[in-house]
């Protein structure tokens, strides 16, 4: 690992800790927004992921498999 990867990892850890402190302070102050905002973000992420999976399944182009017993599938060595 190089130094930039370590710096990015440290930045992610610091950001997670800061967001955790903000979340806990919101809960201690009795703010329901501290719960509603993360739940809303998580719900949007899950619904977006579900939509993407459904869209991928609905729009995928699949080539039909050739029948292994058909003459076109044999190589002609027989």
PDB file of N, CA and C in Angstrom:
ATOM      1  N   UNK A   1       0.835  -1.187   0.000  1.00  0.00           N
ATOM      2  CA  UNK A   1       0.000   0.000   0.000  1.00  0.00           C
ATOM      3  C   UNK A   1       0.876   1.245   0.000  1.00  0.00           C
ATOM      4  N   UNK A   2       0.439   2.215  -0.722  1.00  0.00           N
ATOM      5  CA  UNK A   2       1.210   3.450  -0.747  1.00  0.00           C
ATOM      6  C   UNK A   2       0.608   4.473   0.224  1.00  0.00           C
ATOM      7  N   UNK A   3       1.274   5.608   0.332  1.00  0.00           N
ATOM      8  CA  UNK A   3       0.870   6.616   1.313  1.00  0.00           C
ATOM      9  C   UNK A   3      -0.487   7.234   0.999  1.00  0.00           C
ATOM     10  N   UNK A   4      -0.835   7.367  -0.278  1.00  0.00           N
ATOM     11  CA  UNK A   4      -2.126   7.978  -0.600  1.00  0.00           C
ATOM     12  C   UNK A   4      -3.283   7.065  -0.189  1.00  0.00           C
ATOM     13  N   UNK A   5      -3.108   5.756  -0.299  1.00  0.00           N
ATOM     14  CA  UNK A   5      -4.147   4.829   0.149  1.00  0.00           C
ATOM     15  C   UNK A   5      -4.336   4.917   1.656  1.00  0.00           C
ATOM     16  N   UNK A   6      -3.245   5.015   2.376  1.00  0.00           N
ATOM     17  CA  UNK A   6      -3.332   5.156   3.834  1.00  0.00           C
ATOM     18  C   UNK A   6      -4.000   6.470   4.214  1.00  0.00           C
ATOM     19  N   UNK A   7      -3.687   7.541   3.498  1.00  0.00           N
ATOM     20  CA  UNK A   7      -4.294   8.843   3.775  1.00  0.00           C
ATOM     21  C   UNK A   7      -5.790   8.810   3.486  1.00  0.00           C
ATOM     22  N   UNK A   8      -6.175   8.150   2.407  1.00  0.00           N
ATOM     23  CA  UNK A   8      -7.600   8.030   2.092  1.00  0.00           C
ATOM     24  C   UNK A   8      -8.321   7.206   3.148  1.00  0.00           C
ATOM     25  N   UNK A   9      -7.706   6.129   3.599  1.00  0.00           N
ATOM     26  CA  UNK A   9      -8.301   5.314   4.648  1.00  0.00           C
ATOM     27  C   UNK A   9      -8.468   6.089   5.935  1.00  0.00           C
ATOM     28  N   UNK A  10      -7.451   6.879   6.294  1.00  0.00           N
ATOM     29  CA  UNK A  10      -7.524   7.702   7.490  1.00  0.00           C
ATOM     30  C   UNK A  10      -8.626   8.756   7.358  1.00  0.00           C
ATOM     31  N   UNK A  11      -8.757   9.358   6.182  1.00  0.00           N
ATOM     32  CA  UNK A  11      -9.800  10.358   5.956  1.00  0.00           C
ATOM     33  C   UNK A  11     -11.189   9.734   6.092  1.00  0.00           C
ATOM     34  N   UNK A  12     -11.360   8.518   5.604  1.00  0.00           N
ATOM     35  CA  UNK A  12     -12.642   7.831   5.731  1.00  0.00           C
ATOM     36  C   UNK A  12     -12.950   7.550   7.204  1.00  0.00           C
ATOM     37  N   UNK A  13     -11.952   7.114   7.952  1.00  0.00           N
ATOM     38  CA  UNK A  13     -12.145   6.837   9.390  1.00  0.00           C
ATOM     39  C   UNK A  13     -12.513   8.115  10.142  1.00  0.00           C
ATOM     40  N   UNK A  14     -11.827   9.211   9.847  1.00  0.00           N
ATOM     41  CA  UNK A  14     -12.122  10.481  10.511  1.00  0.00           C
ATOM     42  C   UNK A  14     -13.533  10.950  10.162  1.00  0.00           C
ATOM     43  N   UNK A  15     -13.905  10.861   8.898  1.00  0.00           N
ATOM     44  CA  UNK A  15     -15.251  11.269   8.477  1.00  0.00           C
ATOM     45  C   UNK A  15     -16.318  10.427   9.156  1.00  0.00           C
ATOM     46  N   UNK A  16     -16.098   9.118   9.267  1.00  0.00           N
ATOM     47  CA  UNK A  16     -17.066   8.244   9.933  1.00  0.00           C
ATOM     48  C   UNK A  16     -17.192   8.594  11.410  1.00  0.00           C
ATOM     49  N   UNK A  17     -16.063   8.894  12.058  1.00  0.00           N
ATOM     50  CA  UNK A  17     -16.098   9.267  13.472  1.00  0.00           C
ATOM     51  C   UNK A  17     -16.837  10.588  13.672  1.00  0.00           C
ATOM     52  N   UNK A  18     -16.580  11.570  12.818  1.00  0.00           N
ATOM     53  CA  UNK A  18     -17.252  12.869  12.924  1.00  0.00           C
ATOM     54  C   UNK A  18     -18.757  12.707  12.706  1.00  0.00           C
ATOM     55  N   UNK A  19     -19.139  11.957  11.686  1.00  0.00           N
ATOM     56  CA  UNK A  19     -20.567  11.731  11.437  1.00  0.00           C
ATOM     57  C   UNK A  19     -21.216  10.977  12.590  1.00  0.00           C
ATOM     58  N   UNK A  20     -20.494  10.046  13.192  1.00  0.00           N
ATOM     59  CA  UNK A  20     -21.023   9.332  14.352  1.00  0.00           C
ATOM     60  C   UNK A  20     -21.259  10.258  15.530  1.00  0.00           C
ATOM     61  N   UNK A  21     -20.331  11.174  15.767  1.00  0.00           N
ATOM     62  CA  UNK A  21     -20.499  12.144  16.857  1.00  0.00           C
ATOM     63  C   UNK A  21     -21.683  13.064  16.585  1.00  0.00           C
ATOM     64  N   UNK A  22     -21.830  13.519  15.349  1.00  0.00           N
ATOM     65  CA  UNK A  22     -22.970  14.366  14.986  1.00  0.00           C
ATOM     66  C   UNK A  22     -24.276  13.609  15.184  1.00  0.00           C
ATOM     67  N   UNK A  23     -24.317  12.347  14.776  1.00  0.00           N
ATOM     68  CA  UNK A  23     -25.512  11.525  14.945  1.00  0.00           C
ATOM     69  C   UNK A  23     -25.857  11.363  16.427  1.00  0.00           C
ATOM     70  N   UNK A  24     -24.862  11.026  17.249  1.00  0.00           N
ATOM     71  CA  UNK A  24     -25.117  10.833  18.677  1.00  0.00           C
ATOM     72  C   UNK A  24     -25.540  12.124  19.363  1.00  0.00           C
ATOM     73  N   UNK A  25     -24.945  13.242  18.984  1.00  0.00           N
ATOM     74  CA  UNK A  25     -25.346  14.514  19.590  1.00  0.00           C
ATOM     75  C   UNK A  25     -26.776  14.877  19.201  1.00  0.00           C
ATOM     76  N   UNK A  26     -27.165  14.539  17.992  1.00  0.00           N
ATOM     77  CA  UNK A  26     -28.552  14.767  17.586  1.00  0.00           C
ATOM     78  C   UNK A  26     -29.522  13.906  18.365  1.00  0.00           C
ATOM     79  N   UNK A  27     -29.142  12.660  18.637  1.00  0.00           N
ATOM     80  CA  UNK A  27     -29.996  11.787  19.446  1.00  0.00           C
ATOM     81  C   UNK A  27     -30.103  12.294  20.881  1.00  0.00           C
ATOM     82  N   UNK A  28     -28.976  12.719  21.452  1.00  0.00           N
ATOM     83  CA  UNK A  28     -28.990  13.211  22.835  1.00  0.00           C
ATOM     84  C   UNK A  28     -29.811  14.485  22.978  1.00  0.00           C
ATOM     85  N   UNK A  29     -29.871  15.283  21.921  1.00  0.00           N
ATOM     86  CA  UNK A  29     -30.670  16.511  21.958  1.00  0.00           C
ATOM     87  C   UNK A  29     -32.140  16.237  21.667  1.00  0.00           C
ATOM     88  N   UNK A  30     -32.499  14.994  21.398  1.00  0.00           N
ATOM     89  CA  UNK A  30     -33.887  14.634  21.153  1.00  0.00           C
ATOM     90  C   UNK A  30     -34.380  14.962  19.758  1.00  0.00           C
ATOM     91  N   UNK A  31     -33.496  15.139  18.839  1.00  0.00           N
ATOM     92  CA  UNK A  31     -33.886  15.464  17.467  1.00  0.00           C
ATOM     93  C   UNK A  31     -34.188  14.186  16.693  1.00  0.00           C
ATOM     94  N   UNK A  32     -35.406  14.082  16.207  1.00  0.00           N
ATOM     95  CA  UNK A  32     -35.762  12.910  15.399  1.00  0.00           C
ATOM     96  C   UNK A  32     -35.154  12.985  14.011  1.00  0.00           C
ATOM     97  N   UNK A  33     -34.688  14.173  13.628  1.00  0.00           N
ATOM     98  CA  UNK A  33     -34.001  14.291  12.340  1.00  0.00           C
ATOM     99  C   UNK A  33     -32.711  13.483  12.329  1.00  0.00           C
ATOM    100  N   UNK A  34     -32.133  13.277  13.506  1.00  0.00           N
ATOM    101  CA  UNK A  34     -30.905  12.484  13.598  1.00  0.00           C
ATOM    102  C   UNK A  34     -31.149  11.045  13.185  1.00  0.00           C
ATOM    103  N   UNK A  35     -32.381  10.594  13.333  1.00  0.00           N
ATOM    104  CA  UNK A  35     -32.746   9.243  12.902  1.00  0.00           C
ATOM    105  C   UNK A  35     -33.322   9.273  11.491  1.00  0.00           C
ATOM    106  N   UNK A  36     -34.142  10.286  11.209  1.00  0.00           N
ATOM    107  CA  UNK A  36     -34.852  10.331   9.929  1.00  0.00           C
ATOM    108  C   UNK A  36     -33.908  10.510   8.739  1.00  0.00           C
ATOM    109  N   UNK A  37     -32.893  11.325   8.876  1.00  0.00           N
ATOM    110  CA  UNK A  37     -31.990  11.583   7.742  1.00  0.00           C
ATOM    111  C   UNK A  37     -31.183  10.338   7.372  1.00  0.00           C
ATOM    112  N   UNK A  38     -30.505   9.662   8.319  1.00  0.00           N
ATOM    113  CA  UNK A  38     -29.783   8.443   7.920  1.00  0.00           C
ATOM    114  C   UNK A  38     -30.702   7.348   7.390  1.00  0.00           C
ATOM    115  N   UNK A  39     -31.883   7.198   7.978  1.00  0.00           N
ATOM    116  CA  UNK A  39     -32.823   6.182   7.491  1.00  0.00           C
ATOM    117  C   UNK A  39     -33.288   6.538   6.080  1.00  0.00           C
ATOM    118  N   UNK A  40     -33.548   7.814   5.833  1.00  0.00           N
ATOM    119  CA  UNK A  40     -33.948   8.243   4.489  1.00  0.00           C
ATOM    120  C   UNK A  40     -32.861   8.012   3.461  1.00  0.00           C
ATOM    121  N   UNK A  41     -31.623   8.301   3.845  1.00  0.00           N
ATOM    122  CA  UNK A  41     -30.497   8.068   2.927  1.00  0.00           C
ATOM    123  C   UNK A  41     -30.338   6.579   2.647  1.00  0.00           C
ATOM    124  N   UNK A  42     -30.423   5.767   3.693  1.00  0.00           N
ATOM    125  CA  UNK A  42     -30.307   4.315   3.518  1.00  0.00           C
ATOM    126  C   UNK A  42     -31.439   3.773   2.646  1.00  0.00           C
ATOM    127  N   UNK A  43     -32.654   4.249   2.869  1.00  0.00           N
ATOM    128  CA  UNK A  43     -33.792   3.808   2.056  1.00  0.00           C
ATOM    129  C   UNK A  43     -33.595   4.193   0.596  1.00  0.00           C
ATOM    130  N   UNK A  44     -33.143   5.420   0.349  1.00  0.00           N
ATOM    131  CA  UNK A  44     -32.901   5.854  -1.035  1.00  0.00           C
ATOM    132  C   UNK A  44     -31.826   4.999  -1.690  1.00  0.00           C
ATOM    133  N   UNK A  45     -30.771   4.660  -0.944  1.00  0.00           N
ATOM    134  CA  UNK A  45     -29.709   3.822  -1.488  1.00  0.00           C
ATOM    135  C   UNK A  45     -30.231   2.431  -1.839  1.00  0.00           C
ATOM    136  N   UNK A  46     -30.989   1.825  -0.934  1.00  0.00           N
ATOM    137  CA  UNK A  46     -31.509   0.472  -1.172  1.00  0.00           C
ATOM    138  C   UNK A  46     -32.487   0.477  -2.337  1.00  0.00           C
ATOM    139  N   UNK A  47     -33.377   1.461  -2.399  1.00  0.00           N
ATOM    140  CA  UNK A  47     -34.319   1.524  -3.517  1.00  0.00           C
ATOM    141  C   UNK A  47     -33.603   1.784  -4.837  1.00  0.00           C
ATOM    142  N   UNK A  48     -32.581   2.633  -4.827  1.00  0.00           N
ATOM    143  CA  UNK A  48     -31.807   2.871  -6.047  1.00  0.00           C
ATOM    144  C   UNK A  48     -31.081   1.623  -6.507  1.00  0.00           C
ATOM    145  N   UNK A  49     -30.503   0.890  -5.559  1.00  0.00           N
ATOM    146  CA  UNK A  49     -29.817  -0.357  -5.895  1.00  0.00           C
ATOM    147  C   UNK A  49     -30.801  -1.385  -6.450  1.00  0.00           C
ATOM    148  N   UNK A  50     -31.974  -1.474  -5.831  1.00  0.00           N
ATOM    149  CA  UNK A  50     -33.000  -2.406  -6.307  1.00  0.00           C
ATOM    150  C   UNK A  50     -33.460  -2.029  -7.710  1.00  0.00           C
ATOM    151  N   UNK A  51     -33.668  -0.733  -7.956  1.00  0.00           N
ATOM    152  CA  UNK A  51     -34.065  -0.287  -9.291  1.00  0.00           C
ATOM    153  C   UNK A  51     -32.995  -0.620 -10.313  1.00  0.00           C
ATOM    154  N   UNK A  52     -31.726  -0.413  -9.967  1.00  0.00           N
ATOM    155  CA  UNK A  52     -30.624  -0.691 -10.896  1.00  0.00           C
ATOM    156  C   UNK A  52     -30.562  -2.176 -11.242  1.00  0.00           C
ATOM    157  N   UNK A  53     -30.735  -3.043 -10.233  1.00  0.00           N
ATOM    158  CA  UNK A  53     -30.721  -4.488 -10.497  1.00  0.00           C
ATOM    159  C   UNK A  53     -31.886  -4.862 -11.410  1.00  0.00           C
ATOM    160  N   UNK A  54     -33.071  -4.347 -11.112  1.00  0.00           N
ATOM    161  CA  UNK A  54     -34.232  -4.629 -11.965  1.00  0.00           C
ATOM    162  C   UNK A  54     -34.041  -4.124 -13.386  1.00  0.00           C
ATOM    163  N   UNK A  55     -33.501  -2.918 -13.525  1.00  0.00           N
ATOM    164  CA  UNK A  55     -33.249  -2.343 -14.855  1.00  0.00           C
ATOM    165  C   UNK A  55     -32.230  -3.189 -15.621  1.00  0.00           C
ATOM    166  N   UNK A  56     -31.197  -3.639 -14.935  1.00  0.00           N
ATOM    167  CA  UNK A  56     -30.181  -4.473 -15.572  1.00  0.00           C
ATOM    168  C   UNK A  56     -30.786  -5.786 -16.049  1.00  0.00           C
ATOM    169  N   UNK A  57     -31.611  -6.413 -15.229  1.00  0.00           N
ATOM    170  CA  UNK A  57     -32.243  -7.671 -15.617  1.00  0.00           C
ATOM    171  C   UNK A  57     -33.208  -7.453 -16.778  1.00  0.00           C
ATOM    172  N   UNK A  58     -33.951  -6.356 -16.744  1.00  0.00           N
ATOM    173  CA  UNK A  58     -34.949  -6.099 -17.785  1.00  0.00           C
ATOM    174  C   UNK A  58     -34.332  -5.748 -19.134  1.00  0.00           C
ATOM    175  N   UNK A  59     -33.148  -5.157 -19.143  1.00  0.00           N
ATOM    176  CA  UNK A  59     -32.589  -4.665 -20.407  1.00  0.00           C
ATOM    177  C   UNK A  59     -31.393  -5.461 -20.907  1.00  0.00           C
ATOM    178  N   UNK A  60     -31.044  -6.552 -20.257  1.00  0.00           N
ATOM    179  CA  UNK A  60     -29.876  -7.324 -20.683  1.00  0.00           C
ATOM    180  C   UNK A  60     -30.177  -8.036 -22.009  1.00  0.00           C
ATOM    181  N   UNK A  61     -29.196  -8.079 -22.870  1.00  0.00           N
ATOM    182  CA  UNK A  61     -29.316  -8.777 -24.145  1.00  0.00           C
ATOM    183  C   UNK A  61     -28.584 -10.107 -24.021  1.00  0.00           C
ATOM    184  N   UNK A  62     -29.328 -11.200 -24.139  1.00  0.00           N
ATOM    185  CA  UNK A  62     -28.743 -12.531 -23.988  1.00  0.00           C
ATOM    186  C   UNK A  62     -28.811 -13.239 -25.327  1.00  0.00           C
ATOM    187  N   UNK A  63     -27.680 -13.777 -25.746  1.00  0.00           N
ATOM    188  CA  UNK A  63     -27.634 -14.561 -26.974  1.00  0.00           C
ATOM    189  C   UNK A  63     -28.165 -15.959 -26.677  1.00  0.00           C
ATOM    190  N   UNK A  64     -29.054 -16.472 -27.520  1.00  0.00           N
ATOM    191  CA  UNK A  64     -29.539 -17.839 -27.277  1.00  0.00           C
ATOM    192  C   UNK A  64     -28.408 -18.846 -27.467  1.00  0.00           C
ATOM    193  N   UNK A  65     -28.373 -19.842 -26.590  1.00  0.00           N
ATOM    194  CA  UNK A  65     -27.348 -20.876 -26.695  1.00  0.00           C
ATOM    195  C   UNK A  65     -27.693 -21.827 -27.833  1.00  0.00           C
ATOM    196  N   UNK A  66     -26.652 -22.278 -28.555  1.00  0.00           N
ATOM    197  CA  UNK A  66     -26.902 -23.234 -29.629  1.00  0.00           C
ATOM    198  C   UNK A  66     -27.096 -24.615 -29.016  1.00  0.00           C
ATOM    199  N   UNK A  67     -27.896 -25.422 -29.683  1.00  0.00           N
ATOM    200  CA  UNK A  67     -28.179 -26.781 -29.213  1.00  0.00           C
ATOM    201  C   UNK A  67     -26.935 -27.631 -29.440  1.00  0.00           C
ATOM    202  N   UNK A  68     -26.402 -28.303 -28.391  1.00  0.00           N
ATOM    203  CA  UNK A  68     -25.174 -29.088 -28.568  1.00  0.00           C
ATOM    204  C   UNK A  68     -25.336 -30.252 -29.542  1.00  0.00           C
ATOM    205  N   UNK A  69     -26.555 -30.709 -29.776  1.00  0.00           N
ATOM    206  CA  UNK A  69     -26.761 -31.830 -30.687  1.00  0.00           C
ATOM    207  C   UNK A  69     -27.025 -31.410 -32.123  1.00  0.00           C
ATOM    208  N   UNK A  70     -27.109 -30.125 -32.384  1.00  0.00           N
ATOM    209  CA  UNK A  70     -27.408 -29.674 -33.740  1.00  0.00           C
ATOM    210  C   UNK A  70     -26.170 -29.765 -34.619  1.00  0.00           C
ATOM    211  N   UNK A  71     -26.348 -29.937 -35.924  1.00  0.00           N
ATOM    212  CA  UNK A  71     -25.195 -30.052 -36.836  1.00  0.00           C
ATOM    213  C   UNK A  71     -24.333 -28.784 -36.849  1.00  0.00           C
ATOM    214  N   UNK A  72     -24.908 -27.628 -36.570  1.00  0.00           N
ATOM    215  CA  UNK A  72     -24.119 -26.393 -36.597  1.00  0.00           C
ATOM    216  C   UNK A  72     -23.161 -26.341 -35.413  1.00  0.00           C
ATOM    217  N   UNK A  73     -23.466 -27.071 -34.336  1.00  0.00           N
ATOM    218  CA  UNK A  73     -22.613 -27.040 -33.153  1.00  0.00           C
ATOM    219  C   UNK A  73     -21.458 -28.020 -33.252  1.00  0.00           C
ATOM    220  N   UNK A  74     -21.504 -28.971 -34.169  1.00  0.00           N
ATOM    221  CA  UNK A  74     -20.407 -29.919 -34.302  1.00  0.00           C
ATOM    222  C   UNK A  74     -19.310 -29.313 -35.169  1.00  0.00           C
ATOM    223  N   UNK A  75     -18.106 -29.813 -35.003  1.00  0.00           N
ATOM    224  CA  UNK A  75     -16.982 -29.242 -35.737  1.00  0.00           C
ATOM    225  C   UNK A  75     -16.699 -29.948 -37.058  1.00  0.00           C
ATOM    226  N   UNK A  76     -17.462 -30.969 -37.405  1.00  0.00           N
ATOM    227  CA  UNK A  76     -17.316 -31.630 -38.680  1.00  0.00           C
ATOM    228  C   UNK A  76     -16.235 -32.685 -38.721  1.00  0.00           C
ATOM    229  N   UNK A  77     -15.655 -33.098 -37.609  1.00  0.00           N
ATOM    230  CA  UNK A  77     -14.617 -34.115 -37.600  1.00  0.00           C
ATOM    231  C   UNK A  77     -15.172 -35.521 -37.615  1.00  0.00           C
ATOM    232  N   UNK A  78     -16.477 -35.731 -37.492  1.00  0.00           N
ATOM    233  CA  UNK A  78     -17.005 -37.095 -37.400  1.00  0.00           C
ATOM    234  C   UNK A  78     -17.310 -37.713 -38.723  1.00  0.00           C
TER     235      UNK A  78
END
